[in-house]
Amino acid sequence: MLTVGRVVPLDVPLRPDFVRGVETAYEYLATVAEWPRELTDERLSPLASRAVILRELVAFLTWVGHRMRAPRRTRTAAPQRGESVLCLLPRSAPAQHVFRRALPFAALGLHVTCVFPIDVADKYRAVVRWLAKHFSCGNELRVWSGAPTKALAGLADALLVLTGSRSTANRVRAHWQGEMIGATGRCAVMIGKREGAVRSLHAELHRQRVAQSCTNIRASFILDHTGGARPSYCGLSSRWDHDALQQALRQLHPSVVLTLPGSLAALPVDEDRRLEGYQCLSCDAKGRVNRVAGFGADPVWHWPGDYLI
């Protein structure tokens, strides 16, 4: 069962003014006529951007509720209130990534510094300022103004939270001595029981690919009657044709494993519905999921999954 409190201990409370800010922001964004350009993903239409951010708000409010209701416990390895978090974020989907990887820490009163690639940092500063203003966390959330390498030296005592590739994580680790966790998944993988449904949805999701996204479909598998899996040959390299599903997942390193109806029960998942440490999210016949908590769980760099801190 997915539970919150996996990075910051549950005895660190949410800031009351932040909770009020989230509720106010949701009411505003749910009804605003002109969508804020700061929250628009340049890869998507304004309508699609609106749907994405409203979904993030719902997921965020759900996380807030779970965190407030969860029994208090402590984790000695987690940062304590008043300490800092350094978030290395990618050049794509800035608002969505701040929601998932930075804003929850600010909600808990930790000082969060967002570091973007230097060529987009000034442009994305407006995104962070908008969120900081509307979520009442101007003192906790900021953008680093210089080169990312200097942030590593200037905030050496922070918890480092990286979103990027495994190669980027390895390069950063070579220069970082402190605590570091990362979300480095690079694609989506789908598993289903009916070959026709898998092939059809794989083709549709492939048509919906967007640039620089860790949600783009890369491979699909069809479960056989024994609960094993064989490749569907949809976008799957021949070097995986005879691998076990678990081995293929380790090679693919997905951000999410989409499971079509009826397939999850046949998989050897753990109590968190994870397969080889990768989060399985049930989807419908159109590939839509009903929740995002756990997305991005990374068994290599130990991000626990979105909205689980």
C-alpha atoms as a PDB file:
ATOM      1  CA  MET A   1       0.000   0.000   0.000  1.00  0.00           C
ATOM      2  CA  LEU A   2       1.404   3.388  -1.000  1.00  0.00           C
ATOM      3  CA  THR A   3       2.065   5.595   2.005  1.00  0.00           C
ATOM      4  CA  VAL A   4       3.404   9.115   2.419  1.00  0.00           C
ATOM      5  CA  GLY A   5       6.296  10.187   4.619  1.00  0.00           C
ATOM      6  CA  ARG A   6       9.013   8.326   2.713  1.00  0.00           C
ATOM      7  CA  VAL A   7      11.487  11.216   2.607  1.00  0.00           C
ATOM      8  CA  VAL A   8      10.400  13.794   5.184  1.00  0.00           C
ATOM      9  CA  PRO A   9       9.244  12.337   8.515  1.00  0.00           C
ATOM     10  CA  LEU A  10       5.575  12.656   9.349  1.00  0.00           C
ATOM     11  CA  ASP A  11       6.305  14.619  12.513  1.00  0.00           C
ATOM     12  CA  VAL A  12       7.167  17.565  10.209  1.00  0.00           C
ATOM     13  CA  PRO A  13       3.786  19.286   9.768  1.00  0.00           C
ATOM     14  CA  LEU A  14       2.407  20.997   6.714  1.00  0.00           C
ATOM     15  CA  ARG A  15       2.372  24.770   6.964  1.00  0.00           C
ATOM     16  CA  PRO A  16      -1.249  25.871   7.612  1.00  0.00           C
ATOM     17  CA  ASP A  17      -0.950  28.903   5.323  1.00  0.00           C
ATOM     18  CA  PHE A  18       0.263  26.637   2.541  1.00  0.00           C
ATOM     19  CA  VAL A  19      -2.771  24.354   2.882  1.00  0.00           C
ATOM     20  CA  ARG A  20      -5.046  27.381   2.592  1.00  0.00           C
ATOM     21  CA  GLY A  21      -3.041  28.559  -0.406  1.00  0.00           C
ATOM     22  CA  VAL A  22      -3.499  25.231  -2.212  1.00  0.00           C
ATOM     23  CA  GLU A  23      -7.254  25.348  -1.731  1.00  0.00           C
ATOM     24  CA  THR A  24      -7.443  28.957  -2.930  1.00  0.00           C
ATOM     25  CA  ALA A  25      -5.222  28.237  -5.934  1.00  0.00           C
ATOM     26  CA  TYR A  26      -7.354  25.269  -6.941  1.00  0.00           C
ATOM     27  CA  GLU A  27     -10.544  27.326  -6.814  1.00  0.00           C
ATOM     28  CA  TYR A  28      -8.865  30.033  -8.893  1.00  0.00           C
ATOM     29  CA  LEU A  29      -7.385  27.714 -11.520  1.00  0.00           C
ATOM     30  CA  ALA A  30     -10.563  25.643 -11.842  1.00  0.00           C
ATOM     31  CA  THR A  31     -12.555  28.709 -12.875  1.00  0.00           C
ATOM     32  CA  VAL A  32     -10.088  31.182 -14.425  1.00  0.00           C
ATOM     33  CA  ALA A  33     -11.003  32.200 -17.979  1.00  0.00           C
ATOM     34  CA  GLU A  34      -7.482  32.956 -19.216  1.00  0.00           C
ATOM     35  CA  TRP A  35      -5.015  30.239 -18.284  1.00  0.00           C
ATOM     36  CA  PRO A  36      -1.774  31.625 -16.769  1.00  0.00           C
ATOM     37  CA  ARG A  37       0.998  31.464 -19.356  1.00  0.00           C
ATOM     38  CA  GLU A  38       3.453  30.561 -16.573  1.00  0.00           C
ATOM     39  CA  LEU A  39       1.685  27.220 -16.187  1.00  0.00           C
ATOM     40  CA  THR A  40       1.461  26.414 -19.897  1.00  0.00           C
ATOM     41  CA  ASP A  41       3.631  23.594 -21.193  1.00  0.00           C
ATOM     42  CA  GLU A  42       5.070  24.767 -24.511  1.00  0.00           C
ATOM     43  CA  ARG A  43       4.839  21.218 -25.877  1.00  0.00           C
ATOM     44  CA  LEU A  44       1.074  21.083 -25.296  1.00  0.00           C
ATOM     45  CA  SER A  45      -1.987  23.092 -26.233  1.00  0.00           C
ATOM     46  CA  PRO A  46      -3.371  25.516 -23.610  1.00  0.00           C
ATOM     47  CA  LEU A  47      -6.319  23.164 -23.066  1.00  0.00           C
ATOM     48  CA  ALA A  48      -4.056  20.166 -22.526  1.00  0.00           C
ATOM     49  CA  SER A  49      -1.790  22.208 -20.232  1.00  0.00           C
ATOM     50  CA  ARG A  50      -4.799  23.188 -18.143  1.00  0.00           C
ATOM     51  CA  ALA A  51      -5.893  19.562 -17.790  1.00  0.00           C
ATOM     52  CA  VAL A  52      -2.386  18.502 -16.737  1.00  0.00           C
ATOM     53  CA  ILE A  53      -2.029  21.165 -14.044  1.00  0.00           C
ATOM     54  CA  LEU A  54      -5.524  20.640 -12.649  1.00  0.00           C
ATOM     55  CA  ARG A  55      -4.703  16.946 -12.352  1.00  0.00           C
ATOM     56  CA  GLU A  56      -1.523  17.870 -10.496  1.00  0.00           C
ATOM     57  CA  LEU A  57      -3.527  20.040  -8.113  1.00  0.00           C
ATOM     58  CA  VAL A  58      -5.895  17.178  -7.360  1.00  0.00           C
ATOM     59  CA  ALA A  59      -2.927  14.854  -6.757  1.00  0.00           C
ATOM     60  CA  PHE A  60      -1.300  17.480  -4.570  1.00  0.00           C
ATOM     61  CA  LEU A  61      -4.437  17.983  -2.482  1.00  0.00           C
ATOM     62  CA  THR A  62      -4.720  14.201  -2.109  1.00  0.00           C
ATOM     63  CA  TRP A  63      -1.123  14.084  -0.854  1.00  0.00           C
ATOM     64  CA  VAL A  64      -1.893  16.910   1.602  1.00  0.00           C
ATOM     65  CA  GLY A  65      -4.874  14.966   2.935  1.00  0.00           C
ATOM     66  CA  HIS A  66      -2.920  11.729   3.288  1.00  0.00           C
ATOM     67  CA  ARG A  67      -0.070  13.511   5.029  1.00  0.00           C
ATOM     68  CA  MET A  68      -2.398  15.235   7.509  1.00  0.00           C
ATOM     69  CA  ARG A  69      -4.180  11.978   8.378  1.00  0.00           C
ATOM     70  CA  ALA A  70      -1.119   9.721   8.542  1.00  0.00           C
ATOM     71  CA  PRO A  71       0.094   8.534  11.961  1.00  0.00           C
ATOM     72  CA  ARG A  72       3.191  10.374  13.148  1.00  0.00           C
ATOM     73  CA  ARG A  73       6.533   8.620  12.919  1.00  0.00           C
ATOM     74  CA  THR A  74      10.133   9.650  12.353  1.00  0.00           C
ATOM     75  CA  ARG A  75      12.877   8.607   9.984  1.00  0.00           C
ATOM     76  CA  THR A  76      16.391   9.387  11.131  1.00  0.00           C
ATOM     77  CA  ALA A  77      17.763   9.701   7.577  1.00  0.00           C
ATOM     78  CA  ALA A  78      15.262  12.349   6.507  1.00  0.00           C
ATOM     79  CA  PRO A  79      15.932  16.095   6.516  1.00  0.00           C
ATOM     80  CA  GLN A  80      14.523  17.960   9.495  1.00  0.00           C
ATOM     81  CA  ARG A  81      12.430  21.122   9.374  1.00  0.00           C
ATOM     82  CA  GLY A  82      14.493  24.202   8.562  1.00  0.00           C
ATOM     83  CA  GLU A  83      17.016  22.327   6.410  1.00  0.00           C
ATOM     84  CA  SER A  84      17.276  22.800   2.651  1.00  0.00           C
ATOM     85  CA  VAL A  85      16.542  20.896  -0.525  1.00  0.00           C
ATOM     86  CA  LEU A  86      18.320  21.372  -3.838  1.00  0.00           C
ATOM     87  CA  CYS A  87      16.117  20.328  -6.780  1.00  0.00           C
ATOM     88  CA  LEU A  88      17.848  19.774 -10.113  1.00  0.00           C
ATOM     89  CA  LEU A  89      15.046  19.956 -12.661  1.00  0.00           C
ATOM     90  CA  PRO A  90      14.877  19.313 -16.437  1.00  0.00           C
ATOM     91  CA  ARG A  91      14.145  21.727 -19.251  1.00  0.00           C
ATOM     92  CA  SER A  92      10.716  20.251 -20.003  1.00  0.00           C
ATOM     93  CA  ALA A  93       7.366  20.729 -18.196  1.00  0.00           C
ATOM     94  CA  PRO A  94       8.684  23.136 -15.523  1.00  0.00           C
ATOM     95  CA  ALA A  95       5.386  23.658 -13.672  1.00  0.00           C
ATOM     96  CA  GLN A  96       4.602  19.953 -13.495  1.00  0.00           C
ATOM     97  CA  HIS A  97       8.079  19.066 -12.256  1.00  0.00           C
ATOM     98  CA  VAL A  98       8.019  21.817  -9.606  1.00  0.00           C
ATOM     99  CA  PHE A  99       4.656  20.500  -8.417  1.00  0.00           C
ATOM    100  CA  ARG A 100       5.962  16.961  -8.026  1.00  0.00           C
ATOM    101  CA  ARG A 101       9.587  17.346  -6.999  1.00  0.00           C
ATOM    102  CA  ALA A 102       9.889  20.728  -5.245  1.00  0.00           C
ATOM    103  CA  LEU A 103       6.584  22.117  -3.975  1.00  0.00           C
ATOM    104  CA  PRO A 104       5.884  19.295  -1.470  1.00  0.00           C
ATOM    105  CA  PHE A 105       9.140  20.079   0.341  1.00  0.00           C
ATOM    106  CA  ALA A 106       8.245  23.790   0.478  1.00  0.00           C
ATOM    107  CA  ALA A 107       4.831  22.842   1.869  1.00  0.00           C
ATOM    108  CA  LEU A 108       6.661  21.257   4.796  1.00  0.00           C
ATOM    109  CA  GLY A 109       8.674  24.392   5.526  1.00  0.00           C
ATOM    110  CA  LEU A 110      11.953  23.258   3.971  1.00  0.00           C
ATOM    111  CA  HIS A 111      13.880  25.821   1.929  1.00  0.00           C
ATOM    112  CA  VAL A 112      13.887  24.644  -1.686  1.00  0.00           C
ATOM    113  CA  THR A 113      16.218  25.886  -4.403  1.00  0.00           C
ATOM    114  CA  CYS A 114      15.209  24.931  -7.948  1.00  0.00           C
ATOM    115  CA  VAL A 115      18.049  24.576 -10.441  1.00  0.00           C
ATOM    116  CA  PHE A 116      17.206  24.473 -14.147  1.00  0.00           C
ATOM    117  CA  PRO A 117      19.540  24.217 -17.148  1.00  0.00           C
ATOM    118  CA  ILE A 118      21.189  27.625 -17.377  1.00  0.00           C
ATOM    119  CA  ASP A 119      19.710  28.494 -20.794  1.00  0.00           C
ATOM    120  CA  VAL A 120      16.117  28.241 -19.502  1.00  0.00           C
ATOM    121  CA  ALA A 121      16.585  29.326 -15.880  1.00  0.00           C
ATOM    122  CA  ASP A 122      15.498  32.938 -16.426  1.00  0.00           C
ATOM    123  CA  LYS A 123      12.389  31.892 -18.341  1.00  0.00           C
ATOM    124  CA  TYR A 124      11.392  29.303 -15.762  1.00  0.00           C
ATOM    125  CA  ARG A 125      11.947  31.699 -12.882  1.00  0.00           C
ATOM    126  CA  ALA A 126       8.502  33.150 -13.675  1.00  0.00           C
ATOM    127  CA  VAL A 127       6.951  29.689 -13.232  1.00  0.00           C
ATOM    128  CA  VAL A 128       8.453  29.270  -9.764  1.00  0.00           C
ATOM    129  CA  ARG A 129       7.519  32.831  -8.755  1.00  0.00           C
ATOM    130  CA  TRP A 130       3.896  32.247  -9.810  1.00  0.00           C
ATOM    131  CA  LEU A 131       3.679  29.043  -7.768  1.00  0.00           C
ATOM    132  CA  ALA A 132       5.478  30.574  -4.778  1.00  0.00           C
ATOM    133  CA  LYS A 133       3.085  33.527  -4.767  1.00  0.00           C
ATOM    134  CA  HIS A 134      -0.151  31.582  -5.172  1.00  0.00           C
ATOM    135  CA  PHE A 135       0.837  28.821  -2.760  1.00  0.00           C
ATOM    136  CA  SER A 136       2.146  31.161  -0.064  1.00  0.00           C
ATOM    137  CA  CYS A 137       5.701  29.837  -0.056  1.00  0.00           C
ATOM    138  CA  GLY A 138       7.739  32.794  -1.260  1.00  0.00           C
ATOM    139  CA  ASN A 139      10.215  32.300   1.568  1.00  0.00           C
ATOM    140  CA  GLU A 140      10.660  28.582   0.920  1.00  0.00           C
ATOM    141  CA  LEU A 141      10.840  28.339  -2.876  1.00  0.00           C
ATOM    142  CA  ARG A 142      13.379  30.042  -5.127  1.00  0.00           C
ATOM    143  CA  VAL A 143      15.389  29.605  -8.336  1.00  0.00           C
ATOM    144  CA  TRP A 144      19.156  29.416  -8.472  1.00  0.00           C
ATOM    145  CA  SER A 145      20.545  32.271 -10.567  1.00  0.00           C
ATOM    146  CA  GLY A 146      23.949  30.927 -11.608  1.00  0.00           C
ATOM    147  CA  ALA A 147      25.420  27.845 -13.175  1.00  0.00           C
ATOM    148  CA  PRO A 148      24.120  24.515 -11.833  1.00  0.00           C
ATOM    149  CA  THR A 149      27.655  23.435 -10.913  1.00  0.00           C
ATOM    150  CA  LYS A 150      27.949  26.393  -8.543  1.00  0.00           C
ATOM    151  CA  ALA A 151      24.722  25.385  -6.828  1.00  0.00           C
ATOM    152  CA  LEU A 152      26.314  22.056  -5.953  1.00  0.00           C
ATOM    153  CA  ALA A 153      29.171  23.874  -4.227  1.00  0.00           C
ATOM    154  CA  GLY A 154      27.027  26.570  -2.635  1.00  0.00           C
ATOM    155  CA  LEU A 155      24.400  24.254  -1.113  1.00  0.00           C
ATOM    156  CA  ALA A 156      26.537  21.284  -0.160  1.00  0.00           C
ATOM    157  CA  ASP A 157      24.520  20.502   3.002  1.00  0.00           C
ATOM    158  CA  ALA A 158      21.179  20.229   1.214  1.00  0.00           C
ATOM    159  CA  LEU A 159      19.253  17.103   0.287  1.00  0.00           C
ATOM    160  CA  LEU A 160      19.722  16.849  -3.477  1.00  0.00           C
ATOM    161  CA  VAL A 161      16.676  15.772  -5.496  1.00  0.00           C
ATOM    162  CA  LEU A 162      17.506  15.183  -9.153  1.00  0.00           C
ATOM    163  CA  THR A 163      15.182  14.753 -12.104  1.00  0.00           C
ATOM    164  CA  GLY A 164      17.054  13.688 -15.209  1.00  0.00           C
ATOM    165  CA  SER A 165      18.871  10.823 -16.858  1.00  0.00           C
ATOM    166  CA  ARG A 166      20.957   8.156 -15.167  1.00  0.00           C
ATOM    167  CA  SER A 167      24.058   9.558 -16.860  1.00  0.00           C
ATOM    168  CA  THR A 168      23.323  13.003 -15.402  1.00  0.00           C
ATOM    169  CA  ALA A 169      22.830  11.440 -11.976  1.00  0.00           C
ATOM    170  CA  ASN A 170      26.186   9.680 -12.257  1.00  0.00           C
ATOM    171  CA  ARG A 171      27.938  12.921 -13.217  1.00  0.00           C
ATOM    172  CA  VAL A 172      26.335  14.812 -10.334  1.00  0.00           C
ATOM    173  CA  ARG A 173      27.134  12.035  -7.865  1.00  0.00           C
ATOM    174  CA  ALA A 174      30.817  12.357  -8.755  1.00  0.00           C
ATOM    175  CA  HIS A 175      30.755  15.947  -7.459  1.00  0.00           C
ATOM    176  CA  TRP A 176      28.268  15.578  -4.608  1.00  0.00           C
ATOM    177  CA  GLN A 177      29.147  14.163  -1.228  1.00  0.00           C
ATOM    178  CA  GLY A 178      25.801  14.679   0.508  1.00  0.00           C
ATOM    179  CA  GLU A 179      22.472  12.865   0.481  1.00  0.00           C
ATOM    180  CA  MET A 180      21.033  12.459  -3.014  1.00  0.00           C
ATOM    181  CA  ILE A 181      17.913  10.881  -4.472  1.00  0.00           C
ATOM    182  CA  GLY A 182      16.767  10.944  -8.063  1.00  0.00           C
ATOM    183  CA  ALA A 183      13.968  10.263 -10.522  1.00  0.00           C
ATOM    184  CA  THR A 184      15.799   9.079 -13.634  1.00  0.00           C
ATOM    185  CA  GLY A 185      13.199   6.969 -15.446  1.00  0.00           C
ATOM    186  CA  ARG A 186      13.194   7.460 -19.184  1.00  0.00           C
ATOM    187  CA  CYS A 187       9.950   6.061 -20.616  1.00  0.00           C
ATOM    188  CA  ALA A 188       6.637   4.309 -20.081  1.00  0.00           C
ATOM    189  CA  VAL A 189       6.132   0.570 -20.431  1.00  0.00           C
ATOM    190  CA  MET A 190       2.762  -1.120 -20.916  1.00  0.00           C
ATOM    191  CA  ILE A 191       1.598  -4.614 -19.952  1.00  0.00           C
ATOM    192  CA  GLY A 192      -1.677  -6.230 -20.963  1.00  0.00           C
ATOM    193  CA  LYS A 193      -3.346  -9.589 -21.500  1.00  0.00           C
ATOM    194  CA  ARG A 194      -5.124  -9.051 -24.831  1.00  0.00           C
ATOM    195  CA  GLU A 195      -2.759  -8.751 -27.773  1.00  0.00           C
ATOM    196  CA  GLY A 196      -5.115  -6.664 -29.883  1.00  0.00           C
ATOM    197  CA  ALA A 197      -5.689  -4.149 -27.102  1.00  0.00           C
ATOM    198  CA  VAL A 198      -1.969  -3.889 -26.354  1.00  0.00           C
ATOM    199  CA  ARG A 199      -1.000  -3.361 -29.980  1.00  0.00           C
ATOM    200  CA  SER A 200      -3.748  -0.795 -30.553  1.00  0.00           C
ATOM    201  CA  LEU A 201      -2.977   1.259 -27.455  1.00  0.00           C
ATOM    202  CA  HIS A 202       0.775   1.073 -28.028  1.00  0.00           C
ATOM    203  CA  ALA A 203       0.294   2.550 -31.504  1.00  0.00           C
ATOM    204  CA  GLU A 204      -1.964   5.298 -30.145  1.00  0.00           C
ATOM    205  CA  LEU A 205       0.411   6.216 -27.322  1.00  0.00           C
ATOM    206  CA  HIS A 206       3.298   6.250 -29.780  1.00  0.00           C
ATOM    207  CA  ARG A 207       1.386   8.807 -31.886  1.00  0.00           C
ATOM    208  CA  GLN A 208       0.930  10.951 -28.777  1.00  0.00           C
ATOM    209  CA  ARG A 209       4.661  11.157 -27.988  1.00  0.00           C
ATOM    210  CA  VAL A 210       5.974  14.597 -27.046  1.00  0.00           C
ATOM    211  CA  ALA A 211       9.532  15.872 -27.042  1.00  0.00           C
ATOM    212  CA  GLN A 212      11.735  15.314 -24.000  1.00  0.00           C
ATOM    213  CA  SER A 213       9.210  13.304 -22.001  1.00  0.00           C
ATOM    214  CA  CYS A 214       9.771  10.400 -19.638  1.00  0.00           C
ATOM    215  CA  THR A 215       6.167   9.304 -20.269  1.00  0.00           C
ATOM    216  CA  ASN A 216       6.645   8.360 -23.921  1.00  0.00           C
ATOM    217  CA  ILE A 217       5.826   4.717 -24.563  1.00  0.00           C
ATOM    218  CA  ARG A 218       8.907   2.643 -25.346  1.00  0.00           C
ATOM    219  CA  ALA A 219       7.856  -0.987 -25.007  1.00  0.00           C
ATOM    220  CA  SER A 220       4.796  -3.147 -24.469  1.00  0.00           C
ATOM    221  CA  PHE A 221       4.415  -6.694 -23.238  1.00  0.00           C
ATOM    222  CA  ILE A 222       1.642  -9.265 -23.495  1.00  0.00           C
ATOM    223  CA  LEU A 223       1.022 -11.577 -20.555  1.00  0.00           C
ATOM    224  CA  ASP A 224       0.552 -15.227 -21.403  1.00  0.00           C
ATOM    225  CA  HIS A 225      -1.785 -17.605 -19.635  1.00  0.00           C
ATOM    226  CA  THR A 226       0.907 -18.628 -17.128  1.00  0.00           C
ATOM    227  CA  GLY A 227       1.500 -15.071 -15.921  1.00  0.00           C
ATOM    228  CA  GLY A 228       4.726 -14.819 -17.881  1.00  0.00           C
ATOM    229  CA  ALA A 229       5.276 -12.187 -20.496  1.00  0.00           C
ATOM    230  CA  ARG A 230       6.418 -12.030 -24.085  1.00  0.00           C
ATOM    231  CA  PRO A 231       7.202  -8.945 -26.149  1.00  0.00           C
ATOM    232  CA  SER A 232       4.502  -7.554 -28.379  1.00  0.00           C
ATOM    233  CA  TYR A 233       7.137  -6.402 -30.889  1.00  0.00           C
ATOM    234  CA  CYS A 234       5.641  -2.905 -30.570  1.00  0.00           C
ATOM    235  CA  GLY A 235       8.657  -0.651 -30.370  1.00  0.00           C
ATOM    236  CA  LEU A 236      10.672  -3.400 -28.681  1.00  0.00           C
ATOM    237  CA  SER A 237      14.297  -3.983 -29.611  1.00  0.00           C
ATOM    238  CA  SER A 238      15.172  -7.526 -30.648  1.00  0.00           C
ATOM    239  CA  ARG A 239      17.806  -7.731 -27.909  1.00  0.00           C
ATOM    240  CA  TRP A 240      14.948  -8.059 -25.395  1.00  0.00           C
ATOM    241  CA  ASP A 241      12.997 -10.692 -27.278  1.00  0.00           C
ATOM    242  CA  HIS A 242      14.008 -13.573 -25.016  1.00  0.00           C
ATOM    243  CA  ASP A 243      14.610 -11.733 -21.765  1.00  0.00           C
ATOM    244  CA  ALA A 244      12.445 -12.174 -18.725  1.00  0.00           C
ATOM    245  CA  LEU A 245      10.091  -9.277 -18.055  1.00  0.00           C
ATOM    246  CA  GLN A 246      11.973  -8.244 -14.927  1.00  0.00           C
ATOM    247  CA  GLN A 247      15.288  -8.086 -16.777  1.00  0.00           C
ATOM    248  CA  ALA A 248      13.730  -6.087 -19.581  1.00  0.00           C
ATOM    249  CA  LEU A 249      12.366  -3.579 -17.069  1.00  0.00           C
ATOM    250  CA  ARG A 250      15.798  -3.074 -15.577  1.00  0.00           C
ATOM    251  CA  GLN A 251      17.154  -2.334 -19.046  1.00  0.00           C
ATOM    252  CA  LEU A 252      14.271  -0.059 -20.017  1.00  0.00           C
ATOM    253  CA  HIS A 253      14.309   1.798 -16.670  1.00  0.00           C
ATOM    254  CA  PRO A 254      10.770   3.208 -16.985  1.00  0.00           C
ATOM    255  CA  SER A 255       9.149   6.025 -15.056  1.00  0.00           C
ATOM    256  CA  VAL A 256       5.928   4.035 -14.961  1.00  0.00           C
ATOM    257  CA  VAL A 257       4.531   0.628 -15.883  1.00  0.00           C
ATOM    258  CA  LEU A 258       1.027   0.983 -17.299  1.00  0.00           C
ATOM    259  CA  THR A 259      -1.137  -2.073 -16.667  1.00  0.00           C
ATOM    260  CA  LEU A 260      -4.253  -2.667 -18.726  1.00  0.00           C
ATOM    261  CA  PRO A 261      -7.392  -4.056 -17.040  1.00  0.00           C
ATOM    262  CA  GLY A 262      -6.971  -7.600 -15.768  1.00  0.00           C
ATOM    263  CA  SER A 263      -3.178  -7.692 -15.982  1.00  0.00           C
ATOM    264  CA  LEU A 264      -2.040  -6.405 -12.589  1.00  0.00           C
ATOM    265  CA  ALA A 265      -3.281  -9.441 -10.658  1.00  0.00           C
ATOM    266  CA  ALA A 266      -1.117 -11.711 -12.805  1.00  0.00           C
ATOM    267  CA  LEU A 267       2.110  -9.815 -12.084  1.00  0.00           C
ATOM    268  CA  PRO A 268       4.548 -10.519  -9.215  1.00  0.00           C
ATOM    269  CA  VAL A 269       4.189  -7.040  -7.726  1.00  0.00           C
ATOM    270  CA  ASP A 270       4.947  -6.078  -4.124  1.00  0.00           C
ATOM    271  CA  GLU A 271       2.547  -4.449  -1.662  1.00  0.00           C
ATOM    272  CA  ASP A 272       3.141  -1.062  -3.332  1.00  0.00           C
ATOM    273  CA  ARG A 273       2.213  -2.527  -6.726  1.00  0.00           C
ATOM    274  CA  ARG A 274       5.800  -2.282  -7.893  1.00  0.00           C
ATOM    275  CA  LEU A 275       7.576  -4.613 -10.270  1.00  0.00           C
ATOM    276  CA  GLU A 276      11.366  -4.673  -9.867  1.00  0.00           C
ATOM    277  CA  GLY A 277      10.912  -1.389  -7.981  1.00  0.00           C
ATOM    278  CA  TYR A 278       9.016   0.322 -10.830  1.00  0.00           C
ATOM    279  CA  GLN A 279       5.530   1.647 -10.117  1.00  0.00           C
ATOM    280  CA  CYS A 280       2.607  -0.063 -11.821  1.00  0.00           C
ATOM    281  CA  LEU A 281      -0.341   2.249 -12.477  1.00  0.00           C
ATOM    282  CA  SER A 282      -3.596   0.818 -13.760  1.00  0.00           C
ATOM    283  CA  CYS A 283      -4.830   2.463 -16.942  1.00  0.00           C
ATOM    284  CA  ASP A 284      -7.969   2.226 -19.024  1.00  0.00           C
ATOM    285  CA  ALA A 285      -8.228   1.210 -22.664  1.00  0.00           C
ATOM    286  CA  LYS A 286      -7.069   4.709 -23.689  1.00  0.00           C
ATOM    287  CA  GLY A 287      -4.010   4.668 -21.463  1.00  0.00           C
ATOM    288  CA  ARG A 288      -5.445   7.054 -18.872  1.00  0.00           C
ATOM    289  CA  VAL A 289      -4.545   6.536 -15.215  1.00  0.00           C
ATOM    290  CA  ASN A 290      -6.765   7.522 -12.300  1.00  0.00           C
ATOM    291  CA  ARG A 291      -3.881   8.530 -10.024  1.00  0.00           C
ATOM    292  CA  VAL A 292      -0.257   9.603 -10.315  1.00  0.00           C
ATOM    293  CA  ALA A 293       1.038   8.888  -6.791  1.00  0.00           C
ATOM    294  CA  GLY A 294       4.112   6.702  -7.073  1.00  0.00           C
ATOM    295  CA  PHE A 295       4.971   7.814 -10.601  1.00  0.00           C
ATOM    296  CA  GLY A 296       8.720   8.055 -11.148  1.00  0.00           C
ATOM    297  CA  ALA A 297       9.654   5.557  -8.431  1.00  0.00           C
ATOM    298  CA  ASP A 298      13.314   4.819  -9.077  1.00  0.00           C
ATOM    299  CA  PRO A 299      14.952   1.657  -7.699  1.00  0.00           C
ATOM    300  CA  VAL A 300      18.379   2.875  -8.871  1.00  0.00           C
ATOM    301  CA  TRP A 301      18.421   6.438  -7.487  1.00  0.00           C
ATOM    302  CA  HIS A 302      15.759   5.910  -4.808  1.00  0.00           C
ATOM    303  CA  TRP A 303      13.121   8.544  -5.546  1.00  0.00           C
ATOM    304  CA  PRO A 304      10.144   7.009  -3.685  1.00  0.00           C
ATOM    305  CA  GLY A 305       7.593   8.129  -6.263  1.00  0.00           C
ATOM    306  CA  ASP A 306       5.714  11.380  -6.715  1.00  0.00           C
ATOM    307  CA  TYR A 307       3.459  12.607  -3.888  1.00  0.00           C
ATOM    308  CA  LEU A 308       4.873  10.109  -1.389  1.00  0.00           C
ATOM    309  CA  ILE A 309       7.341  12.308   0.517  1.00  0.00           C
END
